[in-house]
Full PDB file with SEQRES, HELIX, SHEET, SSBOND, CRYST1, ORIGX, SCALE, CONECT and MASTER records, all heavy atoms in Angstrom:
SEQRES   1 A   39  VAL ASN VAL ILE HIS THR ASP LEU LYS THR ALA PRO GLY          
SEQRES   2 A   39  VAL ASP ILE SER ALA ASP ILE LEU ASP PRO ARG ASP HIS          
SEQRES   3 A   39  ALA LYS LEU LYS ALA VAL SER PRO LYS ALA VAL ILE CYS          
HELIX    1 AA1 PRO A   23  LYS A   30  1                                   8    
SHEET    1 AA1 2 THR A   6  ASP A   7  0                                        
SHEET    2 AA1 2 ILE A  16  SER A  17  1                                        
CRYST1    1.000    1.000    1.000  90.00  90.00  90.00 P 1           1          
ORIGX1      1.000000  0.000000  0.000000        0.00000                         
ORIGX2      0.000000  1.000000  0.000000        0.00000                         
ORIGX3      0.000000  0.000000  1.000000        0.00000                         
SCALE1      1.000000  0.000000  0.000000        0.00000                         
SCALE2      0.000000  1.000000  0.000000        0.00000                         
SCALE3      0.000000  0.000000  1.000000        0.00000                         
ATOM      1  N   VAL A   1     -31.060 -17.894   2.007  1.00  0.00           N  
ATOM      2  CA  VAL A   1     -29.686 -17.679   2.435  1.00  0.00           C  
ATOM      3  C   VAL A   1     -28.917 -16.984   1.312  1.00  0.00           C  
ATOM      4  O   VAL A   1     -28.961 -17.416   0.154  1.00  0.00           O  
ATOM      5  CB  VAL A   1     -28.996 -19.005   2.794  1.00  0.00           C  
ATOM      6  CG1 VAL A   1     -27.519 -18.777   3.129  1.00  0.00           C  
ATOM      7  CG2 VAL A   1     -29.705 -19.686   3.959  1.00  0.00           C  
ATOM      8  N   ASN A   2     -28.231 -15.928   1.634  1.00  0.00           N  
ATOM      9  CA  ASN A   2     -27.404 -15.214   0.666  1.00  0.00           C  
ATOM     10  C   ASN A   2     -26.069 -15.931   0.547  1.00  0.00           C  
ATOM     11  O   ASN A   2     -25.219 -15.840   1.436  1.00  0.00           O  
ATOM     12  CB  ASN A   2     -27.199 -13.765   1.105  1.00  0.00           C  
ATOM     13  CG  ASN A   2     -26.283 -12.999   0.156  1.00  0.00           C  
ATOM     14  OD1 ASN A   2     -26.124 -13.370  -1.000  1.00  0.00           O  
ATOM     15  ND2 ASN A   2     -25.691 -11.935   0.653  1.00  0.00           N  
ATOM     16  N   VAL A   3     -25.877 -16.664  -0.550  1.00  0.00           N  
ATOM     17  CA  VAL A   3     -24.658 -17.434  -0.778  1.00  0.00           C  
ATOM     18  C   VAL A   3     -23.731 -16.629  -1.684  1.00  0.00           C  
ATOM     19  O   VAL A   3     -24.136 -16.175  -2.756  1.00  0.00           O  
ATOM     20  CB  VAL A   3     -24.962 -18.794  -1.419  1.00  0.00           C  
ATOM     21  CG1 VAL A   3     -23.662 -19.557  -1.681  1.00  0.00           C  
ATOM     22  CG2 VAL A   3     -25.878 -19.619  -0.527  1.00  0.00           C  
ATOM     23  N   ILE A   4     -22.490 -16.462  -1.251  1.00  0.00           N  
ATOM     24  CA  ILE A   4     -21.488 -15.733  -2.027  1.00  0.00           C  
ATOM     25  C   ILE A   4     -20.407 -16.724  -2.437  1.00  0.00           C  
ATOM     26  O   ILE A   4     -19.699 -17.277  -1.595  1.00  0.00           O  
ATOM     27  CB  ILE A   4     -20.875 -14.587  -1.195  1.00  0.00           C  
ATOM     28  CG1 ILE A   4     -21.980 -13.625  -0.754  1.00  0.00           C  
ATOM     29  CG2 ILE A   4     -19.810 -13.845  -1.995  1.00  0.00           C  
ATOM     30  CD1 ILE A   4     -21.548 -12.664   0.333  1.00  0.00           C  
ATOM     31  N   HIS A   5     -20.298 -16.961  -3.736  1.00  0.00           N  
ATOM     32  CA  HIS A   5     -19.326 -17.918  -4.261  1.00  0.00           C  
ATOM     33  C   HIS A   5     -18.018 -17.201  -4.570  1.00  0.00           C  
ATOM     34  O   HIS A   5     -18.005 -16.172  -5.247  1.00  0.00           O  
ATOM     35  CB  HIS A   5     -19.865 -18.576  -5.529  1.00  0.00           C  
ATOM     36  CG  HIS A   5     -21.132 -19.341  -5.325  1.00  0.00           C  
ATOM     37  ND1 HIS A   5     -21.161 -20.560  -4.677  1.00  0.00           N  
ATOM     38  CD2 HIS A   5     -22.426 -19.056  -5.662  1.00  0.00           C  
ATOM     39  CE1 HIS A   5     -22.412 -21.007  -4.637  1.00  0.00           C  
ATOM     40  NE2 HIS A   5     -23.192 -20.109  -5.224  1.00  0.00           N  
ATOM     41  N   THR A   6     -16.923 -17.764  -4.088  1.00  0.00           N  
ATOM     42  CA  THR A   6     -15.614 -17.146  -4.316  1.00  0.00           C  
ATOM     43  C   THR A   6     -14.606 -18.184  -4.763  1.00  0.00           C  
ATOM     44  O   THR A   6     -14.610 -19.331  -4.296  1.00  0.00           O  
ATOM     45  CB  THR A   6     -15.117 -16.426  -3.044  1.00  0.00           C  
ATOM     46  OG1 THR A   6     -13.818 -15.886  -3.271  1.00  0.00           O  
ATOM     47  CG2 THR A   6     -15.049 -17.384  -1.866  1.00  0.00           C  
ATOM     48  N   ASP A   7     -13.740 -17.782  -5.680  1.00  0.00           N  
ATOM     49  CA  ASP A   7     -12.742 -18.686  -6.225  1.00  0.00           C  
ATOM     50  C   ASP A   7     -11.564 -17.863  -6.749  1.00  0.00           C  
ATOM     51  O   ASP A   7     -11.678 -16.646  -6.911  1.00  0.00           O  
ATOM     52  CB  ASP A   7     -13.347 -19.523  -7.364  1.00  0.00           C  
ATOM     53  CG  ASP A   7     -12.522 -20.767  -7.675  1.00  0.00           C  
ATOM     54  OD1 ASP A   7     -11.569 -20.675  -8.453  1.00  0.00           O  
ATOM     55  OD2 ASP A   7     -12.849 -21.832  -7.120  1.00  0.00           O  
ATOM     56  N   LEU A   8     -10.447 -18.527  -7.014  1.00  0.00           N  
ATOM     57  CA  LEU A   8      -9.286 -17.835  -7.582  1.00  0.00           C  
ATOM     58  C   LEU A   8      -9.576 -17.313  -8.981  1.00  0.00           C  
ATOM     59  O   LEU A   8      -9.100 -16.256  -9.372  1.00  0.00           O  
ATOM     60  CB  LEU A   8      -8.080 -18.775  -7.633  1.00  0.00           C  
ATOM     61  CG  LEU A   8      -7.434 -19.177  -6.305  1.00  0.00           C  
ATOM     62  CD1 LEU A   8      -6.347 -20.219  -6.557  1.00  0.00           C  
ATOM     63  CD2 LEU A   8      -6.844 -17.970  -5.608  1.00  0.00           C  
ATOM     64  N   LYS A   9     -10.369 -18.074  -9.745  1.00  0.00           N  
ATOM     65  CA  LYS A   9     -10.633 -17.711 -11.127  1.00  0.00           C  
ATOM     66  C   LYS A   9     -11.762 -16.687 -11.238  1.00  0.00           C  
ATOM     67  O   LYS A   9     -12.637 -16.607 -10.367  1.00  0.00           O  
ATOM     68  CB  LYS A   9     -10.969 -18.948 -11.958  1.00  0.00           C  
ATOM     69  CG  LYS A   9     -12.191 -19.711 -11.471  1.00  0.00           C  
ATOM     70  CD  LYS A   9     -12.496 -20.916 -12.357  1.00  0.00           C  
ATOM     71  CE  LYS A   9     -11.503 -22.023 -12.171  1.00  0.00           C  
ATOM     72  NZ  LYS A   9     -11.632 -22.698 -10.871  1.00  0.00           N  
ATOM     73  N   THR A  10     -11.742 -15.925 -12.298  1.00  0.00           N  
ATOM     74  CA  THR A  10     -12.831 -15.012 -12.632  1.00  0.00           C  
ATOM     75  C   THR A  10     -13.661 -15.664 -13.728  1.00  0.00           C  
ATOM     76  O   THR A  10     -13.167 -15.901 -14.830  1.00  0.00           O  
ATOM     77  CB  THR A  10     -12.279 -13.658 -13.117  1.00  0.00           C  
ATOM     78  OG1 THR A  10     -11.488 -13.072 -12.092  1.00  0.00           O  
ATOM     79  CG2 THR A  10     -13.412 -12.714 -13.474  1.00  0.00           C  
ATOM     80  N   ALA A  11     -14.906 -15.991 -13.424  1.00  0.00           N  
ATOM     81  CA  ALA A  11     -15.744 -16.718 -14.375  1.00  0.00           C  
ATOM     82  C   ALA A  11     -17.202 -16.576 -13.954  1.00  0.00           C  
ATOM     83  O   ALA A  11     -17.499 -16.197 -12.810  1.00  0.00           O  
ATOM     84  CB  ALA A  11     -15.336 -18.192 -14.413  1.00  0.00           C  
ATOM     85  N   PRO A  12     -18.140 -16.857 -14.860  1.00  0.00           N  
ATOM     86  CA  PRO A  12     -19.558 -16.826 -14.494  1.00  0.00           C  
ATOM     87  C   PRO A  12     -19.837 -17.735 -13.303  1.00  0.00           C  
ATOM     88  O   PRO A  12     -19.392 -18.882 -13.267  1.00  0.00           O  
ATOM     89  CB  PRO A  12     -20.255 -17.331 -15.766  1.00  0.00           C  
ATOM     90  CG  PRO A  12     -19.333 -16.965 -16.872  1.00  0.00           C  
ATOM     91  CD  PRO A  12     -17.951 -17.144 -16.307  1.00  0.00           C  
ATOM     92  N   GLY A  13     -20.546 -17.214 -12.328  1.00  0.00           N  
ATOM     93  CA  GLY A  13     -20.858 -17.989 -11.130  1.00  0.00           C  
ATOM     94  C   GLY A  13     -19.912 -17.746  -9.987  1.00  0.00           C  
ATOM     95  O   GLY A  13     -20.145 -18.244  -8.881  1.00  0.00           O  
ATOM     96  N   VAL A  14     -18.843 -16.976 -10.235  1.00  0.00           N  
ATOM     97  CA  VAL A  14     -17.906 -16.604  -9.170  1.00  0.00           C  
ATOM     98  C   VAL A  14     -18.215 -15.160  -8.793  1.00  0.00           C  
ATOM     99  O   VAL A  14     -17.990 -14.243  -9.581  1.00  0.00           O  
ATOM    100  CB  VAL A  14     -16.439 -16.735  -9.620  1.00  0.00           C  
ATOM    101  CG1 VAL A  14     -15.501 -16.278  -8.505  1.00  0.00           C  
ATOM    102  CG2 VAL A  14     -16.135 -18.176 -10.016  1.00  0.00           C  
ATOM    103  N   ASP A  15     -18.750 -14.963  -7.593  1.00  0.00           N  
ATOM    104  CA  ASP A  15     -19.151 -13.622  -7.167  1.00  0.00           C  
ATOM    105  C   ASP A  15     -17.946 -12.760  -6.805  1.00  0.00           C  
ATOM    106  O   ASP A  15     -17.938 -11.557  -7.072  1.00  0.00           O  
ATOM    107  CB  ASP A  15     -20.108 -13.718  -5.970  1.00  0.00           C  
ATOM    108  CG  ASP A  15     -21.366 -14.505  -6.305  1.00  0.00           C  
ATOM    109  OD1 ASP A  15     -21.992 -14.200  -7.340  1.00  0.00           O  
ATOM    110  OD2 ASP A  15     -21.702 -15.431  -5.550  1.00  0.00           O  
ATOM    111  N   ILE A  16     -16.965 -13.367  -6.154  1.00  0.00           N  
ATOM    112  CA  ILE A  16     -15.750 -12.644  -5.772  1.00  0.00           C  
ATOM    113  C   ILE A  16     -14.548 -13.490  -6.162  1.00  0.00           C  
ATOM    114  O   ILE A  16     -14.403 -14.620  -5.703  1.00  0.00           O  
ATOM    115  CB  ILE A  16     -15.702 -12.356  -4.253  1.00  0.00           C  
ATOM    116  CG1 ILE A  16     -16.910 -11.540  -3.805  1.00  0.00           C  
ATOM    117  CG2 ILE A  16     -14.417 -11.617  -3.896  1.00  0.00           C  
ATOM    118  CD1 ILE A  16     -16.958 -11.292  -2.307  1.00  0.00           C  
ATOM    119  N   SER A  17     -13.705 -12.944  -7.015  1.00  0.00           N  
ATOM    120  CA  SER A  17     -12.461 -13.623  -7.369  1.00  0.00           C  
ATOM    121  C   SER A  17     -11.395 -13.202  -6.363  1.00  0.00           C  
ATOM    122  O   SER A  17     -11.024 -12.026  -6.298  1.00  0.00           O  
ATOM    123  CB  SER A  17     -12.032 -13.241  -8.791  1.00  0.00           C  
ATOM    124  OG  SER A  17     -10.797 -13.841  -9.115  1.00  0.00           O  
ATOM    125  N   ALA A  18     -10.920 -14.156  -5.564  1.00  0.00           N  
ATOM    126  CA  ALA A  18     -10.005 -13.797  -4.479  1.00  0.00           C  
ATOM    127  C   ALA A  18      -9.219 -15.000  -4.003  1.00  0.00           C  
ATOM    128  O   ALA A  18      -9.663 -16.143  -4.114  1.00  0.00           O  
ATOM    129  CB  ALA A  18     -10.788 -13.199  -3.313  1.00  0.00           C  
ATOM    130  N   ASP A  19      -8.041 -14.692  -3.457  1.00  0.00           N  
ATOM    131  CA  ASP A  19      -7.181 -15.674  -2.783  1.00  0.00           C  
ATOM    132  C   ASP A  19      -7.234 -15.351  -1.301  1.00  0.00           C  
ATOM    133  O   ASP A  19      -6.753 -14.303  -0.868  1.00  0.00           O  
ATOM    134  CB  ASP A  19      -5.751 -15.562  -3.324  1.00  0.00           C  
ATOM    135  CG  ASP A  19      -4.780 -16.521  -2.632  1.00  0.00           C  
ATOM    136  OD1 ASP A  19      -5.194 -17.223  -1.691  1.00  0.00           O  
ATOM    137  OD2 ASP A  19      -3.609 -16.553  -3.041  1.00  0.00           O  
ATOM    138  N   ILE A  20      -7.815 -16.233  -0.519  1.00  0.00           N  
ATOM    139  CA  ILE A  20      -8.013 -15.967   0.904  1.00  0.00           C  
ATOM    140  C   ILE A  20      -6.693 -15.729   1.628  1.00  0.00           C  
ATOM    141  O   ILE A  20      -6.652 -15.051   2.662  1.00  0.00           O  
ATOM    142  CB  ILE A  20      -8.786 -17.134   1.575  1.00  0.00           C  
ATOM    143  CG1 ILE A  20      -9.200 -16.761   3.009  1.00  0.00           C  
ATOM    144  CG2 ILE A  20      -7.984 -18.414   1.534  1.00  0.00           C  
ATOM    145  CD1 ILE A  20     -10.065 -17.811   3.677  1.00  0.00           C  
ATOM    146  N   LEU A  21      -5.582 -16.239   1.091  1.00  0.00           N  
ATOM    147  CA  LEU A  21      -4.281 -16.066   1.736  1.00  0.00           C  
ATOM    148  C   LEU A  21      -3.620 -14.738   1.382  1.00  0.00           C  
ATOM    149  O   LEU A  21      -2.630 -14.358   2.008  1.00  0.00           O  
ATOM    150  CB  LEU A  21      -3.351 -17.222   1.361  1.00  0.00           C  
ATOM    151  CG  LEU A  21      -3.826 -18.623   1.786  1.00  0.00           C  
ATOM    152  CD1 LEU A  21      -2.811 -19.670   1.365  1.00  0.00           C  
ATOM    153  CD2 LEU A  21      -4.071 -18.687   3.283  1.00  0.00           C  
ATOM    154  N   ASP A  22      -4.153 -14.051   0.398  1.00  0.00           N  
ATOM    155  CA  ASP A  22      -3.638 -12.732   0.034  1.00  0.00           C  
ATOM    156  C   ASP A  22      -4.310 -11.681   0.922  1.00  0.00           C  
ATOM    157  O   ASP A  22      -5.539 -11.627   0.980  1.00  0.00           O  
ATOM    158  CB  ASP A  22      -3.938 -12.447  -1.435  1.00  0.00           C  
ATOM    159  CG  ASP A  22      -3.390 -11.104  -1.885  1.00  0.00           C  
ATOM    160  OD1 ASP A  22      -4.044 -10.071  -1.590  1.00  0.00           O  
ATOM    161  OD2 ASP A  22      -2.332 -11.076  -2.525  1.00  0.00           O  
ATOM    162  N   PRO A  23      -3.548 -10.844   1.622  1.00  0.00           N  
ATOM    163  CA  PRO A  23      -4.143  -9.878   2.558  1.00  0.00           C  
ATOM    164  C   PRO A  23      -5.186  -8.964   1.930  1.00  0.00           C  
ATOM    165  O   PRO A  23      -6.230  -8.681   2.533  1.00  0.00           O  
ATOM    166  CB  PRO A  23      -2.926  -9.078   3.056  1.00  0.00           C  
ATOM    167  CG  PRO A  23      -1.781 -10.016   2.909  1.00  0.00           C  
ATOM    168  CD  PRO A  23      -2.067 -10.805   1.668  1.00  0.00           C  
ATOM    169  N   ARG A  24      -4.938  -8.493   0.705  1.00  0.00           N  
ATOM    170  CA  ARG A  24      -5.908  -7.600   0.063  1.00  0.00           C  
ATOM    171  C   ARG A  24      -7.179  -8.339  -0.313  1.00  0.00           C  
ATOM    172  O   ARG A  24      -8.286  -7.817  -0.122  1.00  0.00           O  
ATOM    173  CB  ARG A  24      -5.270  -6.960  -1.179  1.00  0.00           C  
ATOM    174  CG  ARG A  24      -4.170  -5.940  -0.865  1.00  0.00           C  
ATOM    175  CD  ARG A  24      -3.462  -5.488  -2.121  1.00  0.00           C  
ATOM    176  NE  ARG A  24      -2.766  -6.604  -2.772  1.00  0.00           N  
ATOM    177  CZ  ARG A  24      -2.046  -6.489  -3.877  1.00  0.00           C  
ATOM    178  NH1 ARG A  24      -1.922  -5.305  -4.474  1.00  0.00           N  
ATOM    179  NH2 ARG A  24      -1.436  -7.540  -4.408  1.00  0.00           N  
ATOM    180  N   ASP A  25      -7.022  -9.556  -0.835  1.00  0.00           N  
ATOM    181  CA  ASP A  25      -8.205 -10.348  -1.170  1.00  0.00           C  
ATOM    182  C   ASP A  25      -8.959 -10.766   0.088  1.00  0.00           C  
ATOM    183  O   ASP A  25     -10.198 -10.823   0.099  1.00  0.00           O  
ATOM    184  CB  ASP A  25      -7.801 -11.584  -1.968  1.00  0.00           C  
ATOM    185  CG  ASP A  25      -7.410 -11.253  -3.403  1.00  0.00           C  
ATOM    186  OD1 ASP A  25      -7.619 -10.091  -3.816  1.00  0.00           O  
ATOM    187  OD2 ASP A  25      -6.894 -12.148  -4.096  1.00  0.00           O  
ATOM    188  N   HIS A  26      -8.214 -11.083   1.123  1.00  0.00           N  
ATOM    189  CA  HIS A  26      -8.856 -11.462   2.383  1.00  0.00           C  
ATOM    190  C   HIS A  26      -9.723 -10.322   2.905  1.00  0.00           C  
ATOM    191  O   HIS A  26     -10.826 -10.548   3.431  1.00  0.00           O  
ATOM    192  CB  HIS A  26      -7.795 -11.834   3.424  1.00  0.00           C  
ATOM    193  CG  HIS A  26      -8.359 -12.351   4.701  1.00  0.00           C  
ATOM    194  ND1 HIS A  26      -8.623 -11.540   5.793  1.00  0.00           N  
ATOM    195  CD2 HIS A  26      -8.743 -13.610   5.082  1.00  0.00           C  
ATOM    196  CE1 HIS A  26      -9.113 -12.263   6.771  1.00  0.00           C  
ATOM    197  NE2 HIS A  26      -9.197 -13.520   6.376  1.00  0.00           N  
ATOM    198  N   ALA A  27      -9.258  -9.104   2.730  1.00  0.00           N  
ATOM    199  CA  ALA A  27     -10.039  -7.939   3.162  1.00  0.00           C  
ATOM    200  C   ALA A  27     -11.339  -7.837   2.367  1.00  0.00           C  
ATOM    201  O   ALA A  27     -12.388  -7.452   2.915  1.00  0.00           O  
ATOM    202  CB  ALA A  27      -9.215  -6.665   2.998  1.00  0.00           C  
ATOM    203  N   LYS A  28     -11.305  -8.185   1.072  1.00  0.00           N  
ATOM    204  CA  LYS A  28     -12.513  -8.168   0.249  1.00  0.00           C  
ATOM    205  C   LYS A  28     -13.529  -9.186   0.762  1.00  0.00           C  
ATOM    206  O   LYS A  28     -14.735  -8.919   0.805  1.00  0.00           O  
ATOM    207  CB  LYS A  28     -12.179  -8.476  -1.206  1.00  0.00           C  
ATOM    208  CG  LYS A  28     -11.448  -7.386  -1.948  1.00  0.00           C  
ATOM    209  CD  LYS A  28     -11.487  -7.613  -3.462  1.00  0.00           C  
ATOM    210  CE  LYS A  28     -10.836  -8.893  -3.867  1.00  0.00           C  
ATOM    211  NZ  LYS A  28     -10.794  -9.063  -5.353  1.00  0.00           N  
ATOM    212  N   LEU A  29     -13.045 -10.347   1.139  1.00  0.00           N  
ATOM    213  CA  LEU A  29     -13.937 -11.386   1.641  1.00  0.00           C  
ATOM    214  C   LEU A  29     -14.511 -11.002   3.002  1.00  0.00           C  
ATOM    215  O   LEU A  29     -15.695 -11.231   3.281  1.00  0.00           O  
ATOM    216  CB  LEU A  29     -13.194 -12.716   1.739  1.00  0.00           C  
ATOM    217  CG  LEU A  29     -12.642 -13.283   0.430  1.00  0.00           C  
ATOM    218  CD1 LEU A  29     -11.833 -14.550   0.696  1.00  0.00           C  
ATOM    219  CD2 LEU A  29     -13.764 -13.566  -0.552  1.00  0.00           C  
ATOM    220  N   LYS A  30     -13.680 -10.428   3.837  1.00  0.00           N  
ATOM    221  CA  LYS A  30     -14.129 -10.035   5.177  1.00  0.00           C  
ATOM    222  C   LYS A  30     -15.182  -8.921   5.096  1.00  0.00           C  
ATOM    223  O   LYS A  30     -16.059  -8.813   5.962  1.00  0.00           O  
ATOM    224  CB  LYS A  30     -12.940  -9.581   6.014  1.00  0.00           C  
ATOM    225  CG  LYS A  30     -13.258  -9.392   7.503  1.00  0.00           C  
ATOM    226  CD  LYS A  30     -11.995  -9.121   8.292  1.00  0.00           C  
ATOM    227  CE  LYS A  30     -12.300  -8.899   9.774  1.00  0.00           C  
ATOM    228  NZ  LYS A  30     -12.928 -10.073  10.401  1.00  0.00           N  
ATOM    229  N   ALA A  31     -15.110  -8.109   4.036  1.00  0.00           N  
ATOM    230  CA  ALA A  31     -16.029  -6.983   3.894  1.00  0.00           C  
ATOM    231  C   ALA A  31     -17.477  -7.416   3.695  1.00  0.00           C  
ATOM    232  O   ALA A  31     -18.394  -6.630   3.955  1.00  0.00           O  
ATOM    233  CB  ALA A  31     -15.585  -6.100   2.724  1.00  0.00           C  
ATOM    234  N   VAL A  32     -17.702  -8.656   3.258  1.00  0.00           N  
ATOM    235  CA  VAL A  32     -19.085  -9.120   3.073  1.00  0.00           C  
ATOM    236  C   VAL A  32     -19.678  -9.608   4.390  1.00  0.00           C  
ATOM    237  O   VAL A  32     -20.863  -9.972   4.439  1.00  0.00           O  
ATOM    238  CB  VAL A  32     -19.167 -10.235   2.010  1.00  0.00           C  
ATOM    239  CG1 VAL A  32     -18.567  -9.772   0.706  1.00  0.00           C  
ATOM    240  CG2 VAL A  32     -18.492 -11.527   2.486  1.00  0.00           C  
ATOM    241  N   SER A  33     -18.876  -9.638   5.448  1.00  0.00           N  
ATOM    242  CA  SER A  33     -19.338 -10.017   6.799  1.00  0.00           C  
ATOM    243  C   SER A  33     -20.056 -11.362   6.824  1.00  0.00           C  
ATOM    244  O   SER A  33     -21.216 -11.465   7.256  1.00  0.00           O  
ATOM    245  CB  SER A  33     -20.254  -8.926   7.365  1.00  0.00           C  
ATOM    246  OG  SER A  33     -19.576  -7.690   7.427  1.00  0.00           O  
ATOM    247  N   PRO A  34     -19.389 -12.432   6.381  1.00  0.00           N  
ATOM    248  CA  PRO A  34     -20.055 -13.738   6.386  1.00  0.00           C  
ATOM    249  C   PRO A  34     -20.320 -14.237   7.800  1.00  0.00           C  
ATOM    250  O   PRO A  34     -19.519 -14.031   8.708  1.00  0.00           O  
ATOM    251  CB  PRO A  34     -19.049 -14.640   5.666  1.00  0.00           C  
ATOM    252  CG  PRO A  34     -17.722 -14.001   5.933  1.00  0.00           C  
ATOM    253  CD  PRO A  34     -17.986 -12.528   5.930  1.00  0.00           C  
ATOM    254  N   LYS A  35     -21.452 -14.886   7.963  1.00  0.00           N  
ATOM    255  CA  LYS A  35     -21.773 -15.536   9.231  1.00  0.00           C  
ATOM    256  C   LYS A  35     -21.408 -17.017   9.211  1.00  0.00           C  
ATOM    257  O   LYS A  35     -21.379 -17.669  10.262  1.00  0.00           O  
ATOM    258  CB  LYS A  35     -23.257 -15.372   9.550  1.00  0.00           C  
ATOM    259  CG  LYS A  35     -23.666 -13.945   9.885  1.00  0.00           C  
ATOM    260  CD  LYS A  35     -25.130 -13.894  10.283  1.00  0.00           C  
ATOM    261  CE  LYS A  35     -25.568 -12.488  10.644  1.00  0.00           C  
ATOM    262  NZ  LYS A  35     -27.011 -12.424  10.986  1.00  0.00           N  
ATOM    263  N   ALA A  36     -21.173 -17.540   7.997  1.00  0.00           N  
ATOM    264  CA  ALA A  36     -20.813 -18.951   7.857  1.00  0.00           C  
ATOM    265  C   ALA A  36     -19.902 -19.110   6.651  1.00  0.00           C  
ATOM    266  O   ALA A  36     -19.962 -18.327   5.699  1.00  0.00           O  
ATOM    267  CB  ALA A  36     -22.056 -19.818   7.695  1.00  0.00           C  
ATOM    268  N   VAL A  37     -19.055 -20.130   6.710  1.00  0.00           N  
ATOM    269  CA  VAL A  37     -18.119 -20.425   5.630  1.00  0.00           C  
ATOM    270  C   VAL A  37     -18.172 -21.911   5.318  1.00  0.00           C  
ATOM    271  O   VAL A  37     -18.153 -22.748   6.229  1.00  0.00           O  
ATOM    272  CB  VAL A  37     -16.678 -20.026   6.010  1.00  0.00           C  
ATOM    273  CG1 VAL A  37     -15.675 -20.565   4.985  1.00  0.00           C  
ATOM    274  CG2 VAL A  37     -16.537 -18.521   6.131  1.00  0.00           C  
ATOM    275  N   ILE A  38     -18.253 -22.233   4.021  1.00  0.00           N  
ATOM    276  CA  ILE A  38     -18.109 -23.611   3.552  1.00  0.00           C  
ATOM    277  C   ILE A  38     -16.772 -23.721   2.849  1.00  0.00           C  
ATOM    278  O   ILE A  38     -16.444 -22.909   1.978  1.00  0.00           O  
ATOM    279  CB  ILE A  38     -19.244 -24.000   2.579  1.00  0.00           C  
ATOM    280  CG1 ILE A  38     -20.578 -24.123   3.322  1.00  0.00           C  
ATOM    281  CG2 ILE A  38     -18.924 -25.315   1.875  1.00  0.00           C  
ATOM    282  CD1 ILE A  38     -21.758 -24.430   2.407  1.00  0.00           C  
ATOM    283  N   CYS A  39     -15.993 -24.716   3.235  1.00  0.00           N  
ATOM    284  CA  CYS A  39     -14.675 -24.934   2.631  1.00  0.00           C  
ATOM    285  C   CYS A  39     -14.507 -26.428   2.382  1.00  0.00           C  
ATOM    286  O   CYS A  39     -14.263 -27.184   3.326  1.00  0.00           O  
ATOM    287  CB  CYS A  39     -13.572 -24.401   3.539  1.00  0.00           C  
ATOM    288  SG  CYS A  39     -11.905 -24.637   2.893  1.00  0.00           S  
TER     289      CYS A  39                                                      
MASTER        0    0    0    1    2    0    0    6  288    1    0    3          
END                                                                             
């Protein structure tokens, strides 16, 4: 399974630094076309 880790902070182990509530960051997350989300 291709797991993409995302968080507000930029640090080792964070694949995408993003705020899901920010429209521009949300677009970055949507671009990876996830089939599943863990929250």
